Amino acid sequence: MTFGQAIVAFWKNYANFKGRATRSEYWWAFLFVALVGAGISIVTTDYSASDWTDTTESALSNLWSLVVLLPGLAVAARRLHDVGRPATHLFYLLIPIAGIIMLIVWLTKESVEGKNQFDV
């Protein structure tokens, strides 16, 4: 799957938690969200501020985070389905450090060949 196809699939499956997402679909969508978020941060940062410790966020940055929250969770759930894990494993994000490491390992694994219980 190409970068453009992954972005289209990301928005097309906005709240679709069923089915599977390939490794390339997930990571291209992740890159897209990160690049747009970084771009918004760069554009909305006040570089004339004398105090660099001021971490006020722009409304645009907050809006972007809200807009991509649901499709981001959906593509992660579909990616977990692709490696044979249930979407409830996303709750491992609530475990500091270890939970995040476990999810990264699962999200980077190769797809399970053939059908599994998450195929629609």
PDB file of N, CA and C in Angstrom:
ATOM      1  N   MET A   1       0.851  -1.173   0.000  1.00  0.00           N
ATOM      2  CA  MET A   1       0.000   0.000   0.000  1.00  0.00           C
ATOM      3  C   MET A   1       0.896   1.235   0.000  1.00  0.00           C
ATOM      4  N   THR A   2       0.568   2.194  -0.845  1.00  0.00           N
ATOM      5  CA  THR A   2       1.354   3.409  -0.940  1.00  0.00           C
ATOM      6  C   THR A   2       0.895   4.427   0.103  1.00  0.00           C
ATOM      7  N   PHE A   3       1.666   5.498   0.233  1.00  0.00           N
ATOM      8  CA  PHE A   3       1.348   6.560   1.187  1.00  0.00           C
ATOM      9  C   PHE A   3      -0.030   7.157   0.897  1.00  0.00           C
ATOM     10  N   GLY A   4      -0.300   7.463  -0.345  1.00  0.00           N
ATOM     11  CA  GLY A   4      -1.591   8.045  -0.729  1.00  0.00           C
ATOM     12  C   GLY A   4      -2.761   7.098  -0.474  1.00  0.00           C
ATOM     13  N   GLN A   5      -2.579   5.837  -0.810  1.00  0.00           N
ATOM     14  CA  GLN A   5      -3.631   4.846  -0.569  1.00  0.00           C
ATOM     15  C   GLN A   5      -3.907   4.695   0.922  1.00  0.00           C
ATOM     16  N   ALA A   6      -2.863   4.753   1.731  1.00  0.00           N
ATOM     17  CA  ALA A   6      -3.031   4.623   3.177  1.00  0.00           C
ATOM     18  C   ALA A   6      -3.808   5.803   3.750  1.00  0.00           C
ATOM     19  N   ILE A   7      -3.555   7.007   3.241  1.00  0.00           N
ATOM     20  CA  ILE A   7      -4.276   8.186   3.715  1.00  0.00           C
ATOM     21  C   ILE A   7      -5.744   8.080   3.330  1.00  0.00           C
ATOM     22  N   VAL A   8      -6.017   7.657   2.118  1.00  0.00           N
ATOM     23  CA  VAL A   8      -7.407   7.481   1.682  1.00  0.00           C
ATOM     24  C   VAL A   8      -8.101   6.433   2.555  1.00  0.00           C
ATOM     25  N   ALA A   9      -7.435   5.305   2.811  1.00  0.00           N
ATOM     26  CA  ALA A   9      -8.010   4.255   3.651  1.00  0.00           C
ATOM     27  C   ALA A   9      -8.215   4.741   5.081  1.00  0.00           C
ATOM     28  N   PHE A  10      -7.298   5.579   5.572  1.00  0.00           N
ATOM     29  CA  PHE A  10      -7.397   6.134   6.923  1.00  0.00           C
ATOM     30  C   PHE A  10      -8.684   6.936   7.079  1.00  0.00           C
ATOM     31  N   TRP A  11      -8.979   7.813   6.123  1.00  0.00           N
ATOM     32  CA  TRP A  11     -10.189   8.639   6.212  1.00  0.00           C
ATOM     33  C   TRP A  11     -11.445   7.858   5.813  1.00  0.00           C
ATOM     34  N   LYS A  12     -11.306   6.943   4.883  1.00  0.00           N
ATOM     35  CA  LYS A  12     -12.460   6.171   4.436  1.00  0.00           C
ATOM     36  C   LYS A  12     -12.976   5.253   5.553  1.00  0.00           C
ATOM     37  N   ASN A  13     -12.084   4.699   6.334  1.00  0.00           N
ATOM     38  CA  ASN A  13     -12.438   3.824   7.453  1.00  0.00           C
ATOM     39  C   ASN A  13     -12.382   4.585   8.771  1.00  0.00           C
ATOM     40  N   TYR A  14     -12.962   5.765   8.798  1.00  0.00           N
ATOM     41  CA  TYR A  14     -12.851   6.701   9.921  1.00  0.00           C
ATOM     42  C   TYR A  14     -13.140   6.035  11.267  1.00  0.00           C
ATOM     43  N   ALA A  15     -14.220   5.312  11.369  1.00  0.00           N
ATOM     44  CA  ALA A  15     -14.585   4.672  12.642  1.00  0.00           C
ATOM     45  C   ALA A  15     -14.838   3.184  12.452  1.00  0.00           C
ATOM     46  N   ASN A  16     -14.122   2.576  11.534  1.00  0.00           N
ATOM     47  CA  ASN A  16     -14.285   1.153  11.256  1.00  0.00           C
ATOM     48  C   ASN A  16     -13.296   0.361  12.105  1.00  0.00           C
ATOM     49  N   PHE A  17     -13.809  -0.324  13.120  1.00  0.00           N
ATOM     50  CA  PHE A  17     -12.963  -1.109  14.009  1.00  0.00           C
ATOM     51  C   PHE A  17     -12.971  -2.592  13.628  1.00  0.00           C
ATOM     52  N   LYS A  18     -13.628  -2.939  12.523  1.00  0.00           N
ATOM     53  CA  LYS A  18     -13.705  -4.329  12.091  1.00  0.00           C
ATOM     54  C   LYS A  18     -12.773  -4.547  10.907  1.00  0.00           C
ATOM     55  N   GLY A  19     -12.302  -5.759  10.786  1.00  0.00           N
ATOM     56  CA  GLY A  19     -11.438  -6.088   9.671  1.00  0.00           C
ATOM     57  C   GLY A  19      -9.978  -5.991  10.045  1.00  0.00           C
ATOM     58  N   ARG A  20      -9.146  -5.863   9.018  1.00  0.00           N
ATOM     59  CA  ARG A  20      -7.700  -5.879   9.208  1.00  0.00           C
ATOM     60  C   ARG A  20      -7.053  -4.715   8.478  1.00  0.00           C
ATOM     61  N   ALA A  21      -5.907  -4.272   8.994  1.00  0.00           N
ATOM     62  CA  ALA A  21      -5.097  -3.234   8.348  1.00  0.00           C
ATOM     63  C   ALA A  21      -3.676  -3.760   8.221  1.00  0.00           C
ATOM     64  N   THR A  22      -3.106  -3.625   7.053  1.00  0.00           N
ATOM     65  CA  THR A  22      -1.741  -4.103   6.841  1.00  0.00           C
ATOM     66  C   THR A  22      -0.749  -3.232   7.602  1.00  0.00           C
ATOM     67  N   ARG A  23       0.449  -3.749   7.720  1.00  0.00           N
ATOM     68  CA  ARG A  23       1.491  -3.004   8.427  1.00  0.00           C
ATOM     69  C   ARG A  23       1.771  -1.679   7.716  1.00  0.00           C
ATOM     70  N   SER A  24       1.830  -1.707   6.394  1.00  0.00           N
ATOM     71  CA  SER A  24       2.104  -0.466   5.663  1.00  0.00           C
ATOM     72  C   SER A  24       0.958   0.527   5.815  1.00  0.00           C
ATOM     73  N   GLU A  25      -0.283   0.060   5.827  1.00  0.00           N
ATOM     74  CA  GLU A  25      -1.415   0.967   6.006  1.00  0.00           C
ATOM     75  C   GLU A  25      -1.325   1.683   7.347  1.00  0.00           C
ATOM     76  N   TYR A  26      -1.013   0.936   8.400  1.00  0.00           N
ATOM     77  CA  TYR A  26      -0.931   1.540   9.733  1.00  0.00           C
ATOM     78  C   TYR A  26       0.209   2.554   9.812  1.00  0.00           C
ATOM     79  N   TRP A  27       1.399   2.148   9.390  1.00  0.00           N
ATOM     80  CA  TRP A  27       2.556   3.029   9.579  1.00  0.00           C
ATOM     81  C   TRP A  27       2.544   4.234   8.639  1.00  0.00           C
ATOM     82  N   TRP A  28       1.985   4.108   7.435  1.00  0.00           N
ATOM     83  CA  TRP A  28       1.830   5.278   6.572  1.00  0.00           C
ATOM     84  C   TRP A  28       0.832   6.256   7.191  1.00  0.00           C
ATOM     85  N   ALA A  29      -0.260   5.739   7.760  1.00  0.00           N
ATOM     86  CA  ALA A  29      -1.242   6.607   8.424  1.00  0.00           C
ATOM     87  C   ALA A  29      -0.609   7.276   9.637  1.00  0.00           C
ATOM     88  N   PHE A  30       0.196   6.529  10.377  1.00  0.00           N
ATOM     89  CA  PHE A  30       0.894   7.086  11.534  1.00  0.00           C
ATOM     90  C   PHE A  30       1.815   8.230  11.100  1.00  0.00           C
ATOM     91  N   LEU A  31       2.566   8.013  10.029  1.00  0.00           N
ATOM     92  CA  LEU A  31       3.465   9.044   9.511  1.00  0.00           C
ATOM     93  C   LEU A  31       2.682  10.280   9.068  1.00  0.00           C
ATOM     94  N   PHE A  32       1.568  10.081   8.382  1.00  0.00           N
ATOM     95  CA  PHE A  32       0.728  11.191   7.936  1.00  0.00           C
ATOM     96  C   PHE A  32       0.252  12.040   9.120  1.00  0.00           C
ATOM     97  N   VAL A  33      -0.273  11.386  10.141  1.00  0.00           N
ATOM     98  CA  VAL A  33      -0.771  12.104  11.319  1.00  0.00           C
ATOM     99  C   VAL A  33       0.373  12.860  12.001  1.00  0.00           C
ATOM    100  N   ALA A  34       1.525  12.224  12.124  1.00  0.00           N
ATOM    101  CA  ALA A  34       2.674  12.864  12.769  1.00  0.00           C
ATOM    102  C   ALA A  34       3.179  14.065  11.963  1.00  0.00           C
ATOM    103  N   LEU A  35       3.273  13.929  10.638  1.00  0.00           N
ATOM    104  CA  LEU A  35       3.759  15.027   9.806  1.00  0.00           C
ATOM    105  C   LEU A  35       2.819  16.230   9.828  1.00  0.00           C
ATOM    106  N   VAL A  36       1.520  15.968   9.732  1.00  0.00           N
ATOM    107  CA  VAL A  36       0.559  17.077   9.770  1.00  0.00           C
ATOM    108  C   VAL A  36       0.578  17.732  11.150  1.00  0.00           C
ATOM    109  N   GLY A  37       0.660  16.934  12.201  1.00  0.00           N
ATOM    110  CA  GLY A  37       0.739  17.488  13.555  1.00  0.00           C
ATOM    111  C   GLY A  37       1.983  18.335  13.749  1.00  0.00           C
ATOM    112  N   ALA A  38       3.117  17.869  13.241  1.00  0.00           N
ATOM    113  CA  ALA A  38       4.357  18.633  13.338  1.00  0.00           C
ATOM    114  C   ALA A  38       4.256  19.925  12.526  1.00  0.00           C
ATOM    115  N   GLY A  39       3.660  19.833  11.348  1.00  0.00           N
ATOM    116  CA  GLY A  39       3.474  21.032  10.521  1.00  0.00           C
ATOM    117  C   GLY A  39       2.599  22.063  11.204  1.00  0.00           C
ATOM    118  N   ILE A  40       1.529  21.626  11.829  1.00  0.00           N
ATOM    119  CA  ILE A  40       0.646  22.552  12.550  1.00  0.00           C
ATOM    120  C   ILE A  40       1.398  23.193  13.709  1.00  0.00           C
ATOM    121  N   SER A  41       2.202  22.414  14.410  1.00  0.00           N
ATOM    122  CA  SER A  41       2.985  22.952  15.525  1.00  0.00           C
ATOM    123  C   SER A  41       3.990  24.000  15.054  1.00  0.00           C
ATOM    124  N   ILE A  42       4.636  23.731  13.936  1.00  0.00           N
ATOM    125  CA  ILE A  42       5.623  24.679  13.407  1.00  0.00           C
ATOM    126  C   ILE A  42       4.949  25.982  12.987  1.00  0.00           C
ATOM    127  N   VAL A  43       3.829  25.854  12.299  1.00  0.00           N
ATOM    128  CA  VAL A  43       3.142  27.039  11.786  1.00  0.00           C
ATOM    129  C   VAL A  43       2.545  27.878  12.907  1.00  0.00           C
ATOM    130  N   THR A  44       2.049  27.234  13.950  1.00  0.00           N
ATOM    131  CA  THR A  44       1.349  27.980  15.004  1.00  0.00           C
ATOM    132  C   THR A  44       2.224  28.372  16.188  1.00  0.00           C
ATOM    133  N   THR A  45       3.511  28.013  16.167  1.00  0.00           N
ATOM    134  CA  THR A  45       4.407  28.364  17.264  1.00  0.00           C
ATOM    135  C   THR A  45       4.764  29.839  17.196  1.00  0.00           C
ATOM    136  N   ASP A  46       4.738  30.481  18.344  1.00  0.00           N
ATOM    137  CA  ASP A  46       5.115  31.895  18.439  1.00  0.00           C
ATOM    138  C   ASP A  46       6.615  31.960  18.708  1.00  0.00           C
ATOM    139  N   TYR A  47       7.389  32.202  17.657  1.00  0.00           N
ATOM    140  CA  TYR A  47       8.841  32.226  17.791  1.00  0.00           C
ATOM    141  C   TYR A  47       9.358  33.523  18.399  1.00  0.00           C
ATOM    142  N   SER A  48       8.490  34.507  18.544  1.00  0.00           N
ATOM    143  CA  SER A  48       8.927  35.775  19.128  1.00  0.00           C
ATOM    144  C   SER A  48       8.807  35.767  20.651  1.00  0.00           C
ATOM    145  N   ALA A  49       8.265  34.715  21.222  1.00  0.00           N
ATOM    146  CA  ALA A  49       8.113  34.646  22.678  1.00  0.00           C
ATOM    147  C   ALA A  49       9.493  34.552  23.327  1.00  0.00           C
ATOM    148  N   SER A  50       9.666  35.291  24.395  1.00  0.00           N
ATOM    149  CA  SER A  50      10.962  35.304  25.069  1.00  0.00           C
ATOM    150  C   SER A  50      11.138  34.093  25.981  1.00  0.00           C
ATOM    151  N   ASP A  51      10.038  33.476  26.377  1.00  0.00           N
ATOM    152  CA  ASP A  51      10.102  32.329  27.276  1.00  0.00           C
ATOM    153  C   ASP A  51       9.761  31.057  26.499  1.00  0.00           C
ATOM    154  N   TRP A  52      10.777  30.238  26.178  1.00  0.00           N
ATOM    155  CA  TRP A  52      10.565  29.027  25.400  1.00  0.00           C
ATOM    156  C   TRP A  52       9.899  27.923  26.208  1.00  0.00           C
ATOM    157  N   THR A  53       9.742  28.123  27.525  1.00  0.00           N
ATOM    158  CA  THR A  53       9.087  27.098  28.338  1.00  0.00           C
ATOM    159  C   THR A  53       7.568  27.213  28.272  1.00  0.00           C
ATOM    160  N   ASP A  54       7.061  28.247  27.609  1.00  0.00           N
ATOM    161  CA  ASP A  54       5.622  28.408  27.451  1.00  0.00           C
ATOM    162  C   ASP A  54       5.128  27.357  26.463  1.00  0.00           C
ATOM    163  N   THR A  55       4.278  26.450  26.923  1.00  0.00           N
ATOM    164  CA  THR A  55       3.836  25.337  26.084  1.00  0.00           C
ATOM    165  C   THR A  55       2.369  25.449  25.704  1.00  0.00           C
ATOM    166  N   THR A  56       1.899  26.650  25.504  1.00  0.00           N
ATOM    167  CA  THR A  56       0.504  26.792  25.107  1.00  0.00           C
ATOM    168  C   THR A  56       0.314  26.207  23.715  1.00  0.00           C
ATOM    169  N   GLU A  57      -0.743  25.440  23.565  1.00  0.00           N
ATOM    170  CA  GLU A  57      -1.037  24.824  22.275  1.00  0.00           C
ATOM    171  C   GLU A  57      -2.098  25.630  21.551  1.00  0.00           C
ATOM    172  N   SER A  58      -2.049  25.586  20.258  1.00  0.00           N
ATOM    173  CA  SER A  58      -3.027  26.313  19.472  1.00  0.00           C
ATOM    174  C   SER A  58      -4.327  25.523  19.396  1.00  0.00           C
ATOM    175  N   ALA A  59      -5.390  26.233  19.113  1.00  0.00           N
ATOM    176  CA  ALA A  59      -6.688  25.590  18.935  1.00  0.00           C
ATOM    177  C   ALA A  59      -6.637  24.652  17.730  1.00  0.00           C
ATOM    178  N   LEU A  60      -5.877  25.014  16.704  1.00  0.00           N
ATOM    179  CA  LEU A  60      -5.759  24.181  15.519  1.00  0.00           C
ATOM    180  C   LEU A  60      -5.094  22.840  15.842  1.00  0.00           C
ATOM    181  N   SER A  61      -4.070  22.878  16.672  1.00  0.00           N
ATOM    182  CA  SER A  61      -3.391  21.654  17.081  1.00  0.00           C
ATOM    183  C   SER A  61      -4.326  20.761  17.891  1.00  0.00           C
ATOM    184  N   ASN A  62      -5.076  21.357  18.792  1.00  0.00           N
ATOM    185  CA  ASN A  62      -6.041  20.587  19.583  1.00  0.00           C
ATOM    186  C   ASN A  62      -7.132  20.001  18.692  1.00  0.00           C
ATOM    187  N   LEU A  63      -7.589  20.772  17.722  1.00  0.00           N
ATOM    188  CA  LEU A  63      -8.615  20.297  16.805  1.00  0.00           C
ATOM    189  C   LEU A  63      -8.097  19.113  15.983  1.00  0.00           C
ATOM    190  N   TRP A  64      -6.870  19.212  15.490  1.00  0.00           N
ATOM    191  CA  TRP A  64      -6.273  18.112  14.719  1.00  0.00           C
ATOM    192  C   TRP A  64      -6.212  16.834  15.563  1.00  0.00           C
ATOM    193  N   SER A  65      -5.810  16.979  16.823  1.00  0.00           N
ATOM    194  CA  SER A  65      -5.730  15.824  17.712  1.00  0.00           C
ATOM    195  C   SER A  65      -7.095  15.166  17.889  1.00  0.00           C
ATOM    196  N   LEU A  66      -8.124  15.964  18.032  1.00  0.00           N
ATOM    197  CA  LEU A  66      -9.473  15.417  18.183  1.00  0.00           C
ATOM    198  C   LEU A  66      -9.965  14.747  16.902  1.00  0.00           C
ATOM    199  N   VAL A  67      -9.655  15.360  15.767  1.00  0.00           N
ATOM    200  CA  VAL A  67     -10.117  14.824  14.473  1.00  0.00           C
ATOM    201  C   VAL A  67      -9.495  13.464  14.184  1.00  0.00           C
ATOM    202  N   VAL A  68      -8.232  13.266  14.521  1.00  0.00           N
ATOM    203  CA  VAL A  68      -7.556  12.011  14.188  1.00  0.00           C
ATOM    204  C   VAL A  68      -7.591  10.979  15.312  1.00  0.00           C
ATOM    205  N   LEU A  69      -8.193  11.301  16.453  1.00  0.00           N
ATOM    206  CA  LEU A  69      -8.238  10.353  17.567  1.00  0.00           C
ATOM    207  C   LEU A  69      -8.994   9.077  17.200  1.00  0.00           C
ATOM    208  N   LEU A  70     -10.216   9.211  16.731  1.00  0.00           N
ATOM    209  CA  LEU A  70     -11.033   8.041  16.417  1.00  0.00           C
ATOM    210  C   LEU A  70     -10.469   7.218  15.247  1.00  0.00           C
ATOM    211  N   PRO A  71     -10.101   7.832  14.119  1.00  0.00           N
ATOM    212  CA  PRO A  71      -9.528   7.000  13.054  1.00  0.00           C
ATOM    213  C   PRO A  71      -8.174   6.406  13.437  1.00  0.00           C
ATOM    214  N   GLY A  72      -7.432   7.082  14.296  1.00  0.00           N
ATOM    215  CA  GLY A  72      -6.161   6.525  14.758  1.00  0.00           C
ATOM    216  C   GLY A  72      -6.358   5.274  15.601  1.00  0.00           C
ATOM    217  N   LEU A  73      -7.344   5.322  16.489  1.00  0.00           N
ATOM    218  CA  LEU A  73      -7.666   4.143  17.287  1.00  0.00           C
ATOM    219  C   LEU A  73      -8.211   3.024  16.397  1.00  0.00           C
ATOM    220  N   ALA A  74      -9.018   3.394  15.404  1.00  0.00           N
ATOM    221  CA  ALA A  74      -9.614   2.393  14.513  1.00  0.00           C
ATOM    222  C   ALA A  74      -8.541   1.675  13.694  1.00  0.00           C
ATOM    223  N   VAL A  75      -7.599   2.406  13.125  1.00  0.00           N
ATOM    224  CA  VAL A  75      -6.564   1.757  12.314  1.00  0.00           C
ATOM    225  C   VAL A  75      -5.643   0.921  13.211  1.00  0.00           C
ATOM    226  N   ALA A  76      -5.417   1.350  14.442  1.00  0.00           N
ATOM    227  CA  ALA A  76      -4.607   0.546  15.364  1.00  0.00           C
ATOM    228  C   ALA A  76      -5.341  -0.744  15.739  1.00  0.00           C
ATOM    229  N   ALA A  77      -6.653  -0.652  15.941  1.00  0.00           N
ATOM    230  CA  ALA A  77      -7.444  -1.843  16.258  1.00  0.00           C
ATOM    231  C   ALA A  77      -7.422  -2.818  15.090  1.00  0.00           C
ATOM    232  N   ARG A  78      -7.573  -2.309  13.876  1.00  0.00           N
ATOM    233  CA  ARG A  78      -7.534  -3.182  12.699  1.00  0.00           C
ATOM    234  C   ARG A  78      -6.146  -3.793  12.516  1.00  0.00           C
ATOM    235  N   ARG A  79      -5.111  -3.037  12.854  1.00  0.00           N
ATOM    236  CA  ARG A  79      -3.739  -3.566  12.762  1.00  0.00           C
ATOM    237  C   ARG A  79      -3.536  -4.695  13.763  1.00  0.00           C
ATOM    238  N   LEU A  80      -4.054  -4.527  14.976  1.00  0.00           N
ATOM    239  CA  LEU A  80      -3.965  -5.599  15.962  1.00  0.00           C
ATOM    240  C   LEU A  80      -4.720  -6.839  15.483  1.00  0.00           C
ATOM    241  N   HIS A  81      -5.867  -6.633  14.840  1.00  0.00           N
ATOM    242  CA  HIS A  81      -6.602  -7.764  14.273  1.00  0.00           C
ATOM    243  C   HIS A  81      -5.754  -8.499  13.242  1.00  0.00           C
ATOM    244  N   ASP A  82      -4.972  -7.756  12.481  1.00  0.00           N
ATOM    245  CA  ASP A  82      -4.161  -8.354  11.425  1.00  0.00           C
ATOM    246  C   ASP A  82      -3.074  -9.266  11.982  1.00  0.00           C
ATOM    247  N   VAL A  83      -2.638  -9.013  13.217  1.00  0.00           N
ATOM    248  CA  VAL A  83      -1.615  -9.867  13.830  1.00  0.00           C
ATOM    249  C   VAL A  83      -2.239 -10.858  14.813  1.00  0.00           C
ATOM    250  N   GLY A  84      -3.573 -10.972  14.791  1.00  0.00           N
ATOM    251  CA  GLY A  84      -4.254 -11.964  15.608  1.00  0.00           C
ATOM    252  C   GLY A  84      -4.532 -11.550  17.035  1.00  0.00           C
ATOM    253  N   ARG A  85      -4.533 -10.265  17.308  1.00  0.00           N
ATOM    254  CA  ARG A  85      -4.800  -9.756  18.656  1.00  0.00           C
ATOM    255  C   ARG A  85      -6.125  -9.002  18.667  1.00  0.00           C
ATOM    256  N   PRO A  86      -6.848  -9.034  19.785  1.00  0.00           N
ATOM    257  CA  PRO A  86      -8.102  -8.271  19.871  1.00  0.00           C
ATOM    258  C   PRO A  86      -7.813  -6.780  20.076  1.00  0.00           C
ATOM    259  N   ALA A  87      -8.766  -5.946  19.691  1.00  0.00           N
ATOM    260  CA  ALA A  87      -8.606  -4.500  19.813  1.00  0.00           C
ATOM    261  C   ALA A  87      -8.518  -4.050  21.270  1.00  0.00           C
ATOM    262  N   THR A  88      -9.011  -4.871  22.183  1.00  0.00           N
ATOM    263  CA  THR A  88      -8.936  -4.505  23.603  1.00  0.00           C
ATOM    264  C   THR A  88      -7.487  -4.411  24.088  1.00  0.00           C
ATOM    265  N   HIS A  89      -6.562  -4.937  23.306  1.00  0.00           N
ATOM    266  CA  HIS A  89      -5.149  -4.812  23.673  1.00  0.00           C
ATOM    267  C   HIS A  89      -4.669  -3.357  23.599  1.00  0.00           C
ATOM    268  N   LEU A  90      -5.470  -2.490  23.003  1.00  0.00           N
ATOM    269  CA  LEU A  90      -5.120  -1.061  22.994  1.00  0.00           C
ATOM    270  C   LEU A  90      -5.090  -0.484  24.409  1.00  0.00           C
ATOM    271  N   PHE A  91      -5.804  -1.119  25.332  1.00  0.00           N
ATOM    272  CA  PHE A  91      -5.795  -0.644  26.716  1.00  0.00           C
ATOM    273  C   PHE A  91      -4.425  -0.803  27.371  1.00  0.00           C
ATOM    274  N   TYR A  92      -3.543  -1.571  26.750  1.00  0.00           N
ATOM    275  CA  TYR A  92      -2.184  -1.672  27.263  1.00  0.00           C
ATOM    276  C   TYR A  92      -1.464  -0.321  27.211  1.00  0.00           C
ATOM    277  N   LEU A  93      -1.998   0.609  26.442  1.00  0.00           N
ATOM    278  CA  LEU A  93      -1.426   1.959  26.419  1.00  0.00           C
ATOM    279  C   LEU A  93      -1.492   2.617  27.794  1.00  0.00           C
ATOM    280  N   LEU A  94      -2.380   2.151  28.631  1.00  0.00           N
ATOM    281  CA  LEU A  94      -2.528   2.717  29.972  1.00  0.00           C
ATOM    282  C   LEU A  94      -1.436   2.243  30.930  1.00  0.00           C
ATOM    283  N   ILE A  95      -0.679   1.225  30.539  1.00  0.00           N
ATOM    284  CA  ILE A  95       0.432   0.747  31.356  1.00  0.00           C
ATOM    285  C   ILE A  95       1.688   1.519  30.939  1.00  0.00           C
ATOM    286  N   PRO A  96       2.260   2.286  31.836  1.00  0.00           N
ATOM    287  CA  PRO A  96       3.439   3.079  31.468  1.00  0.00           C
ATOM    288  C   PRO A  96       4.590   2.205  30.962  1.00  0.00           C
ATOM    289  N   ILE A  97       5.237   2.647  29.964  1.00  0.00           N
ATOM    290  CA  ILE A  97       6.419   2.086  29.311  1.00  0.00           C
ATOM    291  C   ILE A  97       6.210   0.660  28.800  1.00  0.00           C
ATOM    292  N   ALA A  98       5.952  -0.311  29.666  1.00  0.00           N
ATOM    293  CA  ALA A  98       5.828  -1.708  29.242  1.00  0.00           C
ATOM    294  C   ALA A  98       4.666  -1.904  28.270  1.00  0.00           C
ATOM    295  N   GLY A  99       3.536  -1.269  28.525  1.00  0.00           N
ATOM    296  CA  GLY A  99       2.382  -1.399  27.646  1.00  0.00           C
ATOM    297  C   GLY A  99       2.646  -0.818  26.274  1.00  0.00           C
ATOM    298  N   ILE A 100       3.326   0.303  26.244  1.00  0.00           N
ATOM    299  CA  ILE A 100       3.657   0.944  24.973  1.00  0.00           C
ATOM    300  C   ILE A 100       4.632   0.075  24.178  1.00  0.00           C
ATOM    301  N   ILE A 101       5.609  -0.497  24.862  1.00  0.00           N
ATOM    302  CA  ILE A 101       6.577  -1.369  24.191  1.00  0.00           C
ATOM    303  C   ILE A 101       5.879  -2.596  23.615  1.00  0.00           C
ATOM    304  N   MET A 102       4.967  -3.206  24.394  1.00  0.00           N
ATOM    305  CA  MET A 102       4.237  -4.378  23.896  1.00  0.00           C
ATOM    306  C   MET A 102       3.437  -4.028  22.653  1.00  0.00           C
ATOM    307  N   LEU A 103       2.759  -2.890  22.663  1.00  0.00           N
ATOM    308  CA  LEU A 103       1.968  -2.500  21.496  1.00  0.00           C
ATOM    309  C   LEU A 103       2.846  -2.236  20.284  1.00  0.00           C
ATOM    310  N   ILE A 104       3.966  -1.584  20.478  1.00  0.00           N
ATOM    311  CA  ILE A 104       4.865  -1.323  19.350  1.00  0.00           C
ATOM    312  C   ILE A 104       5.330  -2.640  18.738  1.00  0.00           C
ATOM    313  N   VAL A 105       5.651  -3.614  19.572  1.00  0.00           N
ATOM    314  CA  VAL A 105       6.080  -4.922  19.062  1.00  0.00           C
ATOM    315  C   VAL A 105       4.960  -5.543  18.241  1.00  0.00           C
ATOM    316  N   TRP A 106       3.728  -5.531  18.749  1.00  0.00           N
ATOM    317  CA  TRP A 106       2.611  -6.128  18.017  1.00  0.00           C
ATOM    318  C   TRP A 106       2.306  -5.369  16.728  1.00  0.00           C
ATOM    319  N   LEU A 107       2.399  -4.034  16.771  1.00  0.00           N
ATOM    320  CA  LEU A 107       2.073  -3.233  15.594  1.00  0.00           C
ATOM    321  C   LEU A 107       3.122  -3.370  14.488  1.00  0.00           C
ATOM    322  N   THR A 108       4.316  -3.836  14.843  1.00  0.00           N
ATOM    323  CA  THR A 108       5.367  -3.994  13.835  1.00  0.00           C
ATOM    324  C   THR A 108       5.503  -5.434  13.339  1.00  0.00           C
ATOM    325  N   LYS A 109       4.757  -6.371  13.938  1.00  0.00           N
ATOM    326  CA  LYS A 109       4.832  -7.764  13.515  1.00  0.00           C
ATOM    327  C   LYS A 109       4.265  -7.943  12.109  1.00  0.00           C
ATOM    328  N   GLU A 110       4.682  -9.039  11.472  1.00  0.00           N
ATOM    329  CA  GLU A 110       4.128  -9.383  10.168  1.00  0.00           C
ATOM    330  C   GLU A 110       2.699  -9.871  10.333  1.00  0.00           C
ATOM    331  N   SER A 111       1.930  -9.734   9.282  1.00  0.00           N
ATOM    332  CA  SER A 111       0.531 -10.153   9.297  1.00  0.00           C
ATOM    333  C   SER A 111       0.413 -11.662   9.460  1.00  0.00           C
ATOM    334  N   VAL A 112      -0.678 -12.086  10.083  1.00  0.00           N
ATOM    335  CA  VAL A 112      -0.993 -13.503  10.186  1.00  0.00           C
ATOM    336  C   VAL A 112      -1.544 -13.938   8.836  1.00  0.00           C
ATOM    337  N   GLU A 113      -0.943 -14.968   8.270  1.00  0.00           N
ATOM    338  CA  GLU A 113      -1.373 -15.456   6.956  1.00  0.00           C
ATOM    339  C   GLU A 113      -2.735 -16.135   7.065  1.00  0.00           C
ATOM    340  N   GLY A 114      -3.529 -15.986   6.032  1.00  0.00           N
ATOM    341  CA  GLY A 114      -4.829 -16.639   5.981  1.00  0.00           C
ATOM    342  C   GLY A 114      -5.861 -15.939   6.849  1.00  0.00           C
ATOM    343  N   LYS A 115      -6.989 -16.597   6.998  1.00  0.00           N
ATOM    344  CA  LYS A 115      -8.072 -16.023   7.789  1.00  0.00           C
ATOM    345  C   LYS A 115      -7.825 -16.214   9.269  1.00  0.00           C
ATOM    346  N   ASN A 116      -8.333 -15.258  10.060  1.00  0.00           N
ATOM    347  CA  ASN A 116      -8.336 -15.420  11.505  1.00  0.00           C
ATOM    348  C   ASN A 116      -9.708 -14.979  12.028  1.00  0.00           C
ATOM    349  N   GLN A 117      -9.893 -14.978  13.330  1.00  0.00           N
ATOM    350  CA  GLN A 117     -11.206 -14.694  13.890  1.00  0.00           C
ATOM    351  C   GLN A 117     -11.669 -13.260  13.654  1.00  0.00           C
ATOM    352  N   PHE A 118     -10.812 -12.375  13.183  1.00  0.00           N
ATOM    353  CA  PHE A 118     -11.168 -10.973  12.990  1.00  0.00           C
ATOM    354  C   PHE A 118     -11.528 -10.625  11.553  1.00  0.00           C
ATOM    355  N   ASP A 119     -11.429 -11.592  10.648  1.00  0.00           N
ATOM    356  CA  ASP A 119     -11.820 -11.341   9.260  1.00  0.00           C
ATOM    357  C   ASP A 119     -13.322 -11.187   9.175  1.00  0.00           C
ATOM    358  N   VAL A 120     -13.733 -10.245   8.346  1.00  0.00           N
ATOM    359  CA  VAL A 120     -15.168  -9.999   8.180  1.00  0.00           C
ATOM    360  C   VAL A 120     -15.640 -10.621   6.878  1.00  0.00           C
TER     361      VAL A 120
END
